[in-house]
Amino acid sequence: MNSVTTDKRLDSVREHLQQMIMSIDSAIRRQEACVQLYGVSTFASMIAMRRGYDQELAEISGLLHHYYYYKTGVKEFPGANSAEAVRPWIRDLKIFTKEEQLIIQQAIFYWEDRSKVHGPYDEIVKDAYVLQCYFQNTSRSVSQQDAVRLRQVLRELGIPEKIVEEAPCSDRENLFFHANRRSKLADIAEALAGDSIIGVPGDERYREVCQHWPDPDIYKVLQNSWCAAFVYHCCRQVGLRMPIRYPNGICRFAGVGAWLEWAQLPETGFLHYDQDGFTPQRGDIVIYEKLLSDDSHDHIGIVLASDDQEIRVAEGNRDNQNYSCVFHRDRRHCILGYIRIADDYQFQFSGSYNPIL
């Protein structure tokens, strides 16, 4: 590929990225985004040159590695969420082959998993990230997991290694475990749905529901279709941390299908079909079947109470009428099943990331 074509491709990505950065409200965060994203990109280009890999692909992967965080302000799963956030528009630019798209996607997805070794471009972005953190941080301290990686890449580049201070690791496990999580989920859902959130940008609570989704036209995308996004938002409020799309999943968790697919995974097994005699409890997630349309699994809510005849539910976008509500539904009508999430569940993914391109 000639340099003119390469420059145009890189410029296209930079233009999109700059639009995102300029949309950030805070001047300080705009500056931080520029320093971080362009810094990692520059180091990635340098490392790719040193190792004999495509500098353009490495540079683009570095530019986008933390895209989701700067777009949304949400810190969790920066690799997985950034890969999903940029996937549609990288595809729609129609300037990258599917192989190139996969290289970029995987490099973005895996950069935060720096305790393992993945593909060459994945490792380039990981090493570029630790270099950027090291040289940008005046204290020159790095996390324990990054110390060995940093020493190796400094030696590889022939940079004199000074003392690398290791910052203590934080205990992240406690962030994921919440006793009585389902009960707390029901409490949150009941309070939010009971406030009658209106699905319009002018409603602050609705903006909070939408904040997890990076699409520039998200309010239009979710209009009269935000029941699953409401469930995702409630789950996050009680510490259930999951990326916006389960890796390789059929759709994002803003769609009911994603919840149904996720609940049937071998590592979860959380789905209980209604016809199996399952008794729903407070904090279970209910999936409806052809309730509002001729489509399967077309609606979702959170159970607050149940008896033999009815369930009391909290729903966003009740009956696709664009407002949240707490009310009763017939237990015998249009219910596919229930999702019961274990209190100690935490997201883990050890498979191979192969996104839908």
Protein backbone atom coordinates (compact mmCIF):
# COMPACT_ATOMS: atom_id res chain seq x y z
CA MET A 1 0.00 0.00 0.00
CA ASN A 2 1.49 3.36 -1.00
CA SER A 3 2.09 6.17 1.46
CA VAL A 4 -0.66 8.39 0.01
CA THR A 5 -3.32 5.73 0.66
CA THR A 6 -1.88 5.08 4.11
CA ASP A 7 -2.00 8.77 4.98
CA LYS A 8 -5.64 8.98 3.88
CA ARG A 9 -6.60 6.01 6.02
CA LEU A 10 -4.81 7.36 9.04
CA ASP A 11 -6.30 10.81 8.47
CA SER A 12 -9.80 9.30 8.32
CA VAL A 13 -9.33 7.65 11.70
CA ARG A 14 -7.77 10.76 13.20
CA GLU A 15 -10.64 12.90 11.95
CA HIS A 16 -13.21 10.64 13.61
CA LEU A 17 -11.16 10.50 16.79
CA GLN A 18 -10.79 14.26 16.90
CA GLN A 19 -14.55 14.70 16.60
CA MET A 20 -14.96 12.45 19.62
CA ILE A 21 -12.33 14.34 21.62
CA MET A 22 -13.90 17.71 20.80
CA SER A 23 -17.25 16.42 22.08
CA ILE A 24 -15.78 15.96 25.59
CA ASP A 25 -17.16 18.68 27.86
CA SER A 26 -14.12 19.08 30.10
CA ALA A 27 -11.06 20.86 28.69
CA ILE A 28 -8.84 18.92 31.09
CA ARG A 29 -10.23 15.59 29.90
CA ARG A 30 -9.85 16.67 26.26
CA GLN A 31 -6.20 17.37 26.92
CA GLU A 32 -5.81 14.07 28.77
CA ALA A 33 -7.40 12.20 25.86
CA CYS A 34 -5.03 13.80 23.34
CA VAL A 35 -1.95 13.07 25.43
CA GLN A 36 -2.94 9.46 26.17
CA LEU A 37 -4.29 8.38 22.79
CA TYR A 38 -1.71 10.09 20.60
CA GLY A 39 1.08 9.12 23.00
CA VAL A 40 0.26 5.41 22.87
CA SER A 41 -0.17 5.70 19.11
CA THR A 42 3.30 7.18 18.69
CA PHE A 43 4.95 4.55 20.86
CA ALA A 44 3.04 1.82 19.00
CA SER A 45 4.34 3.12 15.67
CA MET A 46 7.89 3.15 17.01
CA ILE A 47 7.66 -0.39 18.40
CA ALA A 48 6.11 -1.68 15.17
CA MET A 49 9.02 -0.19 13.20
CA ARG A 50 11.48 -1.85 15.58
CA ARG A 51 9.76 -5.25 15.25
CA GLY A 52 9.07 -5.11 11.53
CA TYR A 53 5.26 -4.82 11.64
CA ASP A 54 2.86 -2.47 9.88
CA GLN A 55 3.26 0.93 11.55
CA GLU A 56 -0.08 2.23 10.28
CA LEU A 57 -2.11 -0.59 11.85
CA ALA A 58 -0.16 -0.27 15.09
CA GLU A 59 -0.61 3.50 15.14
CA ILE A 60 -4.37 3.25 14.52
CA SER A 61 -4.77 0.60 17.21
CA GLY A 62 -2.92 2.84 19.64
CA LEU A 63 -5.08 5.83 18.74
CA LEU A 64 -8.25 3.90 19.57
CA HIS A 65 -7.18 1.73 22.49
CA HIS A 66 -8.98 3.82 25.15
CA TYR A 67 -11.70 5.29 22.92
CA TYR A 68 -14.68 4.11 24.98
CA TYR A 69 -13.51 5.68 28.23
CA TYR A 70 -12.99 9.11 26.70
CA LYS A 71 -16.25 8.84 24.77
CA THR A 72 -18.42 7.82 27.74
CA GLY A 73 -16.43 8.40 30.94
CA VAL A 74 -17.03 4.75 31.92
CA LYS A 75 -13.78 3.15 33.13
CA GLU A 76 -14.60 -0.57 33.25
CA PHE A 77 -13.41 -2.90 30.47
CA PRO A 78 -11.64 -0.22 28.41
CA GLY A 79 -10.29 -2.74 25.92
CA ALA A 80 -13.43 -4.78 25.31
CA ASN A 81 -15.69 -1.73 25.25
CA SER A 82 -13.37 0.33 23.06
CA ALA A 83 -13.13 -2.51 20.55
CA GLU A 84 -16.92 -2.69 20.38
CA ALA A 85 -17.31 1.09 20.25
CA VAL A 86 -15.05 1.52 17.21
CA ARG A 87 -16.04 -1.70 15.42
CA PRO A 88 -19.03 -0.29 13.47
CA TRP A 89 -17.39 2.86 12.16
CA ILE A 90 -14.07 1.15 11.36
CA ARG A 91 -16.13 -1.28 9.28
CA ASP A 92 -18.24 1.43 7.70
CA LEU A 93 -15.21 3.45 6.59
CA LYS A 94 -14.69 0.66 4.01
CA ILE A 95 -10.95 1.36 3.82
CA PHE A 96 -9.71 -1.67 5.76
CA THR A 97 -9.81 -5.32 4.77
CA LYS A 98 -11.48 -7.74 7.17
CA GLU A 99 -8.05 -9.03 8.16
CA GLU A 100 -6.93 -5.49 8.99
CA GLN A 101 -10.12 -4.81 10.91
CA LEU A 102 -9.52 -7.95 12.96
CA ILE A 103 -5.94 -6.91 13.73
CA ILE A 104 -7.11 -3.49 14.96
CA GLN A 105 -10.05 -4.91 16.92
CA GLN A 106 -7.98 -7.56 18.68
CA ALA A 107 -5.17 -5.13 19.53
CA ILE A 108 -7.71 -2.82 21.16
CA PHE A 109 -9.56 -5.65 22.90
CA TYR A 110 -6.51 -7.31 24.45
CA TRP A 111 -4.40 -4.31 25.52
CA GLU A 112 -5.73 -4.29 29.10
CA ASP A 113 -4.94 -8.02 29.53
CA ARG A 114 -1.23 -7.39 29.97
CA SER A 115 -0.54 -10.43 32.16
CA LYS A 116 -0.83 -12.68 29.09
CA VAL A 117 0.79 -12.80 25.67
CA HIS A 118 -1.39 -12.48 22.58
CA GLY A 119 -0.70 -11.58 18.94
CA PRO A 120 2.09 -9.28 17.72
CA TYR A 121 -0.07 -6.16 17.34
CA ASP A 122 -1.77 -6.85 20.66
CA GLU A 123 1.64 -6.92 22.32
CA ILE A 124 2.71 -3.76 20.53
CA VAL A 125 -0.22 -1.80 21.97
CA LYS A 126 0.32 -3.27 25.45
CA ASP A 127 3.98 -2.25 25.39
CA ALA A 128 3.12 1.17 23.96
CA TYR A 129 0.64 1.68 26.78
CA VAL A 130 3.14 0.91 29.55
CA LEU A 131 5.74 3.16 27.89
CA GLN A 132 3.24 6.01 27.69
CA CYS A 133 2.24 5.56 31.33
CA TYR A 134 5.90 5.42 32.40
CA PHE A 135 7.11 8.50 30.54
CA GLN A 136 3.98 10.53 31.26
CA ASN A 137 4.10 9.72 34.99
CA THR A 138 6.65 11.93 36.76
CA SER A 139 6.96 9.43 39.62
CA ARG A 140 7.95 6.74 37.09
CA SER A 141 5.97 4.10 38.98
CA VAL A 142 4.02 1.32 37.29
CA SER A 143 1.74 -1.45 38.43
CA GLN A 144 3.29 -4.75 39.45
CA GLN A 145 1.85 -6.50 36.40
CA ASP A 146 3.47 -3.93 34.09
CA ALA A 147 6.92 -3.76 35.69
CA VAL A 148 8.37 -6.82 33.95
CA ARG A 149 6.85 -5.80 30.61
CA LEU A 150 8.25 -2.29 30.94
CA ARG A 151 11.76 -3.50 31.73
CA GLN A 152 11.70 -5.81 28.73
CA VAL A 153 10.57 -3.16 26.25
CA LEU A 154 13.05 -0.60 27.59
CA ARG A 155 15.87 -3.09 27.05
CA GLU A 156 14.53 -3.96 23.58
CA LEU A 157 14.57 -0.29 22.57
CA GLY A 158 18.00 0.30 24.06
CA ILE A 159 16.71 2.81 26.58
CA PRO A 160 18.76 2.94 29.80
CA GLU A 161 16.63 1.41 32.52
CA LYS A 162 16.42 3.40 35.70
CA ILE A 163 14.77 2.03 38.80
CA VAL A 164 11.21 1.04 37.98
CA GLU A 165 9.06 1.53 41.03
CA GLU A 166 6.18 -0.87 41.42
CA ALA A 167 2.92 0.58 42.71
CA PRO A 168 0.96 -1.81 44.94
CA CYS A 169 -1.87 -3.66 43.25
CA SER A 170 -5.38 -2.79 44.31
CA ASP A 171 -7.70 -5.60 45.33
CA ARG A 172 -10.32 -5.54 42.61
CA GLU A 173 -12.16 -8.67 43.71
CA ASN A 174 -14.29 -6.79 46.22
CA LEU A 175 -15.62 -4.64 43.42
CA PHE A 176 -17.37 -7.63 41.95
CA PHE A 177 -18.99 -9.35 44.92
CA HIS A 178 -22.16 -8.01 46.43
CA ALA A 179 -24.20 -10.01 48.93
CA ASN A 180 -27.90 -10.03 48.11
CA ARG A 181 -27.19 -8.51 44.71
CA ARG A 182 -30.55 -9.56 43.27
CA SER A 183 -32.41 -7.90 46.12
CA LYS A 184 -30.43 -4.71 45.59
CA LEU A 185 -31.05 -4.95 41.84
CA ALA A 186 -34.80 -5.02 42.50
CA ASP A 187 -34.50 -2.05 44.86
CA ILE A 188 -32.65 0.02 42.26
CA ALA A 189 -35.00 -0.97 39.44
CA GLU A 190 -38.09 -0.25 41.53
CA ALA A 191 -36.86 3.21 42.46
CA LEU A 192 -35.77 4.15 38.93
CA ALA A 193 -38.81 2.75 37.13
CA GLY A 194 -41.10 4.29 39.73
CA ASP A 195 -39.71 7.72 38.91
CA SER A 196 -41.33 7.47 35.46
CA ILE A 197 -38.23 8.10 33.38
CA ILE A 198 -39.15 9.56 30.00
CA GLY A 199 -37.11 8.36 27.02
CA VAL A 200 -36.05 11.78 25.77
CA PRO A 201 -32.61 13.46 25.97
CA GLY A 202 -34.01 16.16 28.23
CA ASP A 203 -34.59 13.65 31.04
CA GLU A 204 -31.38 13.43 33.08
CA ARG A 205 -32.19 9.92 34.31
CA TYR A 206 -32.66 8.75 30.72
CA ARG A 207 -29.30 10.23 29.79
CA GLU A 208 -27.80 8.14 32.58
CA VAL A 209 -29.38 5.01 31.09
CA CYS A 210 -27.91 5.90 27.69
CA GLN A 211 -24.44 6.93 28.90
CA HIS A 212 -23.00 3.43 28.49
CA TRP A 213 -23.61 3.33 24.75
CA PRO A 214 -21.06 5.11 22.53
CA ASP A 215 -23.19 5.69 19.42
CA PRO A 216 -23.39 9.40 18.49
CA ASP A 217 -27.09 8.96 17.68
CA ILE A 218 -27.86 6.79 20.72
CA TYR A 219 -31.05 8.63 21.65
CA LYS A 220 -32.46 7.91 18.21
CA VAL A 221 -31.20 4.31 18.29
CA LEU A 222 -32.88 3.56 21.62
CA GLN A 223 -36.04 5.58 21.09
CA ASN A 224 -39.01 3.40 22.15
CA SER A 225 -36.54 0.52 22.48
CA TRP A 226 -34.60 0.94 25.72
CA CYS A 227 -35.96 -1.83 27.97
CA ALA A 228 -32.69 -3.83 27.82
CA ALA A 229 -30.55 -0.71 28.25
CA PHE A 230 -32.55 0.02 31.41
CA VAL A 231 -31.78 -3.47 32.78
CA TYR A 232 -28.07 -3.04 31.96
CA HIS A 233 -28.03 0.32 33.76
CA CYS A 234 -29.70 -1.14 36.85
CA CYS A 235 -27.23 -4.05 36.91
CA ARG A 236 -24.31 -1.65 36.82
CA GLN A 237 -25.75 0.25 39.76
CA VAL A 238 -25.44 -2.86 41.95
CA GLY A 239 -21.89 -3.68 40.88
CA LEU A 240 -22.57 -6.20 38.13
CA ARG A 241 -19.77 -5.27 35.74
CA MET A 242 -20.00 -6.51 32.17
CA PRO A 243 -18.80 -5.00 28.90
CA ILE A 244 -21.43 -3.50 26.64
CA ARG A 245 -21.24 -6.60 24.46
CA TYR A 246 -20.25 -10.09 25.51
CA PRO A 247 -17.23 -10.93 23.30
CA ASN A 248 -18.37 -12.47 20.00
CA GLY A 249 -22.00 -12.06 21.10
CA ILE A 250 -24.87 -11.50 18.71
CA CYS A 251 -25.59 -7.98 19.92
CA ARG A 252 -24.95 -5.48 22.69
CA PHE A 253 -26.67 -5.65 26.06
CA ALA A 254 -28.91 -2.83 24.86
CA GLY A 255 -30.77 -5.64 23.07
CA VAL A 256 -32.82 -8.39 24.73
CA GLY A 257 -31.13 -11.04 22.57
CA ALA A 258 -27.78 -10.34 24.23
CA TRP A 259 -29.22 -11.07 27.68
CA LEU A 260 -30.82 -14.29 26.45
CA GLU A 261 -27.60 -15.46 24.79
CA TRP A 262 -25.44 -14.55 27.80
CA ALA A 263 -27.72 -16.28 30.29
CA GLN A 264 -27.37 -19.57 28.39
CA LEU A 265 -23.57 -19.64 28.24
CA PRO A 266 -21.88 -22.66 29.86
CA GLU A 267 -20.17 -20.35 32.38
CA THR A 268 -23.47 -18.77 33.44
CA GLY A 269 -26.45 -21.10 33.05
CA PHE A 270 -28.69 -18.40 34.51
CA LEU A 271 -31.69 -18.90 32.20
CA HIS A 272 -34.76 -20.72 33.54
CA TYR A 273 -37.59 -21.34 31.11
CA ASP A 274 -41.07 -20.51 32.33
CA GLN A 275 -42.51 -23.90 31.36
CA ASP A 276 -40.06 -25.72 33.64
CA GLY A 277 -42.08 -24.80 36.72
CA PHE A 278 -39.58 -22.16 37.80
CA THR A 279 -40.81 -19.76 40.49
CA PRO A 280 -39.51 -16.21 39.94
CA GLN A 281 -38.13 -14.21 42.84
CA ARG A 282 -37.44 -10.57 43.53
CA GLY A 283 -34.41 -9.48 41.50
CA ASP A 284 -34.81 -12.00 38.69
CA ILE A 285 -34.85 -10.67 35.12
CA VAL A 286 -37.89 -11.61 33.06
CA ILE A 287 -37.73 -12.09 29.29
CA TYR A 288 -41.00 -11.87 27.41
CA GLU A 289 -41.88 -13.80 24.27
CA LYS A 290 -43.84 -12.00 21.51
CA LEU A 291 -45.38 -9.66 24.01
CA LEU A 292 -45.34 -6.53 21.87
CA SER A 293 -44.60 -7.92 18.40
CA ASP A 294 -44.27 -11.10 16.38
CA ASP A 295 -40.58 -11.27 17.26
CA SER A 296 -39.14 -13.65 19.82
CA HIS A 297 -37.75 -12.26 23.11
CA ASP A 298 -39.08 -8.78 22.37
CA HIS A 299 -39.14 -7.25 25.86
CA ILE A 300 -37.39 -7.46 29.25
CA GLY A 301 -37.88 -6.27 32.84
CA ILE A 302 -36.90 -6.88 36.46
CA VAL A 303 -39.12 -8.87 38.83
CA LEU A 304 -40.12 -7.16 42.07
CA ALA A 305 -42.59 -9.76 43.40
CA SER A 306 -44.64 -12.70 42.17
CA ASP A 307 -47.51 -15.01 43.01
CA ASP A 308 -49.27 -17.77 41.09
CA GLN A 309 -51.11 -15.31 38.85
CA GLU A 310 -48.96 -12.23 38.42
CA ILE A 311 -45.49 -10.75 38.57
CA ARG A 312 -44.83 -7.21 39.68
CA VAL A 313 -42.15 -5.75 37.45
CA ALA A 314 -39.98 -2.69 36.91
CA GLU A 315 -39.49 -1.85 33.27
CA GLY A 316 -37.93 0.80 31.17
CA ASN A 317 -39.88 1.66 28.05
CA ARG A 318 -43.13 0.02 29.16
CA ASP A 319 -44.90 -1.50 26.15
CA ASN A 320 -42.62 0.55 23.87
CA GLN A 321 -44.33 3.72 25.05
CA ASN A 322 -41.06 5.40 26.02
CA TYR A 323 -41.47 5.69 29.79
CA SER A 324 -40.50 3.58 32.80
CA CYS A 325 -43.07 2.09 35.15
CA VAL A 326 -43.75 -0.36 38.00
CA PHE A 327 -46.83 -2.49 37.40
CA HIS A 328 -48.24 -6.05 37.22
CA ARG A 329 -48.17 -8.53 34.35
CA ASP A 330 -49.91 -11.88 33.92
CA ARG A 331 -47.51 -14.73 34.71
CA ARG A 332 -49.27 -16.96 32.19
CA HIS A 333 -48.94 -14.59 29.24
CA CYS A 334 -45.99 -14.21 26.85
CA ILE A 335 -43.15 -15.08 29.23
CA LEU A 336 -40.19 -16.95 27.79
CA GLY A 337 -38.21 -17.32 31.00
CA TYR A 338 -36.23 -15.73 33.79
CA ILE A 339 -32.57 -14.92 34.37
CA ARG A 340 -31.33 -15.45 37.92
CA ILE A 341 -27.83 -14.00 38.28
CA ALA A 342 -25.61 -15.49 40.97
CA ASP A 343 -24.52 -12.98 43.61
CA ASP A 344 -20.87 -13.91 43.13
CA TYR A 345 -20.87 -13.73 39.34
CA GLN A 346 -18.11 -11.72 37.74
CA PHE A 347 -17.38 -11.36 34.06
CA GLN A 348 -14.43 -13.34 32.77
CA PHE A 349 -13.49 -14.17 29.19
CA SER A 350 -10.65 -16.49 28.28
CA GLY A 351 -11.64 -17.41 24.74
CA SER A 352 -10.45 -16.04 21.43
CA TYR A 353 -11.91 -12.69 20.47
CA ASN A 354 -13.36 -12.86 16.96
CA PRO A 355 -15.84 -10.00 16.57
CA ILE A 356 -18.55 -9.76 13.96
CA LEU A 357 -17.05 -7.51 11.29
